[in-house]
């Protein structure tokens, strides 16, 4: 069955980078951190798992060089829920 897609195969088209601005900002912060440093993401945390998934991926990719992050979801009477990330190794 022909659906009329008219597919044209092309050569030499470069693949753009995968990272988004939001992800690269988080990864760059992770890379700049030294042991004992931390930062908070204070905007309302509706999906803290998103940030924790990025942190987990970073931990896995840096495991062979001994770097590690840890996070906690915290709550403030003024700001509500937020996430704080520490460099622990």
N, C-alpha and C. Protein backbone atom coordinates (compact mmCIF):
# COMPACT_ATOMS: atom_id res chain seq x y z
N UNK A 1 0.84 -1.18 0.00
CA UNK A 1 0.00 0.00 0.00
C UNK A 1 0.89 1.25 0.00
N UNK A 2 0.75 2.11 -0.97
CA UNK A 2 1.53 3.33 -1.09
C UNK A 2 0.79 4.47 -0.39
N UNK A 3 1.43 5.07 0.58
CA UNK A 3 0.79 6.18 1.32
C UNK A 3 1.25 7.53 0.81
N UNK A 4 2.10 7.55 -0.20
CA UNK A 4 2.52 8.82 -0.80
C UNK A 4 3.45 9.63 0.08
N UNK A 5 4.35 8.96 0.83
CA UNK A 5 5.25 9.69 1.72
C UNK A 5 6.35 10.41 0.96
N UNK A 6 6.70 9.95 -0.22
CA UNK A 6 7.72 10.61 -1.04
C UNK A 6 9.02 10.83 -0.26
N UNK A 7 9.61 9.73 0.23
CA UNK A 7 10.82 9.79 1.04
C UNK A 7 12.03 9.94 0.14
N UNK A 8 12.88 10.92 0.45
CA UNK A 8 14.12 11.16 -0.28
C UNK A 8 15.29 10.92 0.66
N UNK A 9 16.14 9.95 0.32
CA UNK A 9 17.31 9.64 1.13
C UNK A 9 18.38 10.70 0.87
N UNK A 10 18.97 11.27 1.94
CA UNK A 10 19.98 12.31 1.82
C UNK A 10 21.26 11.87 2.52
N UNK A 11 22.38 12.36 2.05
CA UNK A 11 23.69 12.05 2.62
C UNK A 11 24.33 13.31 3.20
N UNK A 12 25.16 13.12 4.25
CA UNK A 12 25.96 14.22 4.77
C UNK A 12 25.23 15.23 5.64
N UNK A 13 24.06 14.91 6.13
CA UNK A 13 23.33 15.82 7.02
C UNK A 13 23.82 15.55 8.45
N UNK A 14 24.45 16.55 9.13
CA UNK A 14 24.96 16.32 10.48
C UNK A 14 23.84 16.17 11.50
N UNK A 15 24.10 15.33 12.51
CA UNK A 15 23.13 15.14 13.60
C UNK A 15 23.35 16.25 14.62
N UNK A 16 22.32 17.02 14.97
CA UNK A 16 22.47 18.08 15.98
C UNK A 16 22.70 17.48 17.37
N UNK A 17 23.30 18.25 18.29
CA UNK A 17 23.52 17.74 19.65
C UNK A 17 22.20 17.40 20.33
N UNK A 18 22.25 16.43 21.24
CA UNK A 18 21.06 15.95 21.92
C UNK A 18 20.62 16.80 23.09
N UNK A 19 21.52 17.49 23.75
CA UNK A 19 21.17 18.19 24.98
C UNK A 19 20.25 19.38 24.71
N UNK A 20 19.39 19.63 25.69
CA UNK A 20 18.57 20.83 25.65
C UNK A 20 19.23 21.87 26.53
N UNK A 21 18.81 23.10 26.43
CA UNK A 21 19.40 24.17 27.24
C UNK A 21 19.24 23.86 28.74
N UNK A 22 18.08 23.37 29.13
CA UNK A 22 17.83 23.08 30.55
C UNK A 22 18.76 21.96 31.04
N UNK A 23 18.87 20.88 30.27
CA UNK A 23 19.73 19.77 30.68
C UNK A 23 21.19 20.19 30.73
N UNK A 24 21.66 20.91 29.71
CA UNK A 24 23.07 21.28 29.69
C UNK A 24 23.40 22.22 30.84
N UNK A 25 22.48 23.07 31.24
CA UNK A 25 22.71 23.97 32.38
C UNK A 25 22.91 23.17 33.66
N UNK A 26 22.10 22.14 33.85
CA UNK A 26 22.22 21.30 35.04
C UNK A 26 23.53 20.53 35.01
N UNK A 27 23.86 19.92 33.86
CA UNK A 27 25.11 19.14 33.75
C UNK A 27 26.33 20.03 33.94
N UNK A 28 26.30 21.25 33.40
CA UNK A 28 27.43 22.17 33.59
C UNK A 28 27.61 22.53 35.06
N UNK A 29 26.51 22.73 35.77
CA UNK A 29 26.59 23.01 37.22
C UNK A 29 27.19 21.82 37.94
N UNK A 30 26.76 20.61 37.60
CA UNK A 30 27.31 19.41 38.22
C UNK A 30 28.83 19.36 38.01
N UNK A 31 29.28 19.62 36.80
CA UNK A 31 30.70 19.53 36.47
C UNK A 31 31.54 20.58 37.19
N UNK A 32 30.97 21.75 37.49
CA UNK A 32 31.71 22.82 38.17
C UNK A 32 31.81 22.62 39.67
N UNK A 33 30.99 21.74 40.23
CA UNK A 33 30.93 21.58 41.68
C UNK A 33 32.16 20.86 42.23
N UNK A 34 32.56 21.28 43.43
CA UNK A 34 33.60 20.60 44.18
C UNK A 34 32.94 19.90 45.36
N UNK A 35 33.64 18.94 45.96
CA UNK A 35 33.10 18.21 47.11
C UNK A 35 32.68 19.21 48.19
N UNK A 36 31.46 19.05 48.70
CA UNK A 36 30.91 19.95 49.72
C UNK A 36 30.04 21.06 49.15
N UNK A 37 30.13 21.34 47.84
CA UNK A 37 29.29 22.36 47.21
C UNK A 37 27.86 21.83 47.07
N UNK A 38 26.90 22.76 47.04
CA UNK A 38 25.51 22.39 46.78
C UNK A 38 24.81 23.55 46.10
N UNK A 39 23.67 23.24 45.48
CA UNK A 39 22.82 24.30 44.95
C UNK A 39 21.37 23.85 45.08
N UNK A 40 20.47 24.83 45.10
CA UNK A 40 19.04 24.54 45.23
C UNK A 40 18.32 24.97 43.96
N UNK A 41 17.35 24.17 43.57
CA UNK A 41 16.43 24.56 42.51
C UNK A 41 15.15 24.91 43.24
N UNK A 42 14.89 26.22 43.33
CA UNK A 42 13.82 26.70 44.20
C UNK A 42 12.50 26.93 43.49
N UNK A 43 12.48 26.81 42.17
CA UNK A 43 11.19 26.91 41.51
C UNK A 43 10.32 25.75 41.97
N UNK A 44 9.03 25.87 41.88
CA UNK A 44 8.17 24.78 42.37
C UNK A 44 8.59 23.45 41.75
N UNK A 45 8.81 22.47 42.60
CA UNK A 45 9.28 21.17 42.13
C UNK A 45 8.06 20.26 41.96
N UNK A 46 7.52 20.25 40.75
CA UNK A 46 6.39 19.37 40.46
C UNK A 46 6.90 17.99 40.08
N UNK A 47 8.03 17.96 39.41
CA UNK A 47 8.61 16.70 38.95
C UNK A 47 10.05 16.57 39.43
N UNK A 48 10.28 16.40 40.73
CA UNK A 48 11.66 16.29 41.21
C UNK A 48 12.38 15.09 40.62
N UNK A 49 11.64 14.08 40.19
CA UNK A 49 12.26 12.90 39.60
C UNK A 49 13.05 13.27 38.35
N UNK A 50 12.60 14.29 37.61
CA UNK A 50 13.30 14.73 36.40
C UNK A 50 14.73 15.15 36.75
N UNK A 51 14.87 15.97 37.77
CA UNK A 51 16.19 16.44 38.20
C UNK A 51 16.99 15.27 38.75
N UNK A 52 16.36 14.42 39.54
CA UNK A 52 17.07 13.28 40.12
C UNK A 52 17.51 12.29 39.05
N UNK A 53 16.75 12.15 37.98
CA UNK A 53 17.17 11.28 36.87
C UNK A 53 18.42 11.84 36.20
N UNK A 54 18.48 13.16 36.03
CA UNK A 54 19.67 13.79 35.43
C UNK A 54 20.88 13.57 36.34
N UNK A 55 20.66 13.72 37.66
CA UNK A 55 21.74 13.53 38.61
C UNK A 55 22.23 12.08 38.57
N UNK A 56 21.31 11.13 38.50
CA UNK A 56 21.67 9.71 38.44
C UNK A 56 22.48 9.41 37.19
N UNK A 57 22.08 9.97 36.05
CA UNK A 57 22.83 9.77 34.80
C UNK A 57 24.22 10.35 34.93
N UNK A 58 24.34 11.54 35.53
CA UNK A 58 25.65 12.17 35.72
C UNK A 58 26.51 11.29 36.63
N UNK A 59 25.94 10.80 37.73
CA UNK A 59 26.68 9.92 38.64
C UNK A 59 27.21 8.70 37.90
N UNK A 60 26.39 8.06 37.09
CA UNK A 60 26.81 6.86 36.35
C UNK A 60 27.94 7.19 35.38
N UNK A 61 27.84 8.33 34.72
CA UNK A 61 28.86 8.68 33.73
C UNK A 61 30.18 9.11 34.37
N UNK A 62 30.16 9.53 35.64
CA UNK A 62 31.38 9.98 36.33
C UNK A 62 31.89 8.96 37.34
N UNK A 63 31.23 7.82 37.43
CA UNK A 63 31.59 6.81 38.43
C UNK A 63 33.05 6.40 38.34
N UNK A 64 33.58 6.26 37.12
CA UNK A 64 34.97 5.80 36.97
C UNK A 64 36.00 6.84 37.40
N UNK A 65 35.60 8.09 37.61
CA UNK A 65 36.54 9.11 38.10
C UNK A 65 36.24 9.49 39.55
N UNK A 66 35.33 8.77 40.19
CA UNK A 66 35.09 8.94 41.62
C UNK A 66 34.26 10.14 42.01
N UNK A 67 33.44 10.67 41.10
CA UNK A 67 32.57 11.81 41.45
C UNK A 67 31.17 11.30 41.74
N UNK A 68 30.50 11.96 42.71
CA UNK A 68 29.14 11.54 43.06
C UNK A 68 28.34 12.70 43.63
N UNK A 69 27.05 12.72 43.31
CA UNK A 69 26.12 13.72 43.82
C UNK A 69 25.06 13.05 44.68
N UNK A 70 24.43 13.84 45.54
CA UNK A 70 23.30 13.38 46.33
C UNK A 70 22.27 14.51 46.37
N UNK A 71 20.99 14.16 46.52
CA UNK A 71 19.96 15.20 46.55
C UNK A 71 18.92 14.90 47.62
N UNK A 72 18.23 15.94 48.01
CA UNK A 72 17.11 15.83 48.94
C UNK A 72 16.01 16.78 48.48
N UNK A 73 14.78 16.33 48.61
CA UNK A 73 13.64 17.21 48.39
C UNK A 73 13.31 17.81 49.75
N UNK A 74 13.34 19.11 49.84
CA UNK A 74 13.14 19.82 51.10
C UNK A 74 11.89 20.68 51.01
N UNK A 75 11.43 21.15 52.14
CA UNK A 75 10.25 22.01 52.16
C UNK A 75 10.49 23.18 53.09
N UNK A 76 10.11 24.35 52.62
CA UNK A 76 10.24 25.58 53.39
C UNK A 76 8.85 26.18 53.56
N UNK A 77 8.61 26.78 54.71
CA UNK A 77 7.31 27.45 54.93
C UNK A 77 7.11 28.60 53.96
N UNK A 78 8.21 29.22 53.54
CA UNK A 78 8.13 30.37 52.65
C UNK A 78 8.10 29.95 51.19
N UNK A 79 8.98 29.03 50.80
CA UNK A 79 9.15 28.70 49.38
C UNK A 79 8.47 27.41 48.95
N UNK A 80 7.95 26.63 49.86
CA UNK A 80 7.36 25.35 49.49
C UNK A 80 8.45 24.32 49.20
N UNK A 81 8.13 23.31 48.40
CA UNK A 81 9.08 22.24 48.10
C UNK A 81 10.14 22.73 47.12
N UNK A 82 11.36 22.26 47.35
CA UNK A 82 12.46 22.51 46.42
C UNK A 82 13.45 21.38 46.55
N UNK A 83 14.38 21.32 45.61
CA UNK A 83 15.37 20.25 45.63
C UNK A 83 16.76 20.87 45.82
N UNK A 84 17.57 20.23 46.65
CA UNK A 84 18.97 20.66 46.85
C UNK A 84 19.86 19.50 46.46
N UNK A 85 20.95 19.82 45.73
CA UNK A 85 21.89 18.82 45.24
C UNK A 85 23.27 19.13 45.81
N UNK A 86 23.94 18.09 46.35
CA UNK A 86 25.28 18.22 46.92
C UNK A 86 26.27 17.37 46.13
N UNK A 87 27.49 17.85 46.00
CA UNK A 87 28.59 17.00 45.50
C UNK A 87 29.21 16.36 46.72
N UNK A 88 29.19 15.02 46.80
CA UNK A 88 29.68 14.33 47.99
C UNK A 88 30.99 13.57 47.75
N UNK A 89 31.39 13.35 46.51
CA UNK A 89 32.68 12.72 46.19
C UNK A 89 33.30 13.43 45.02
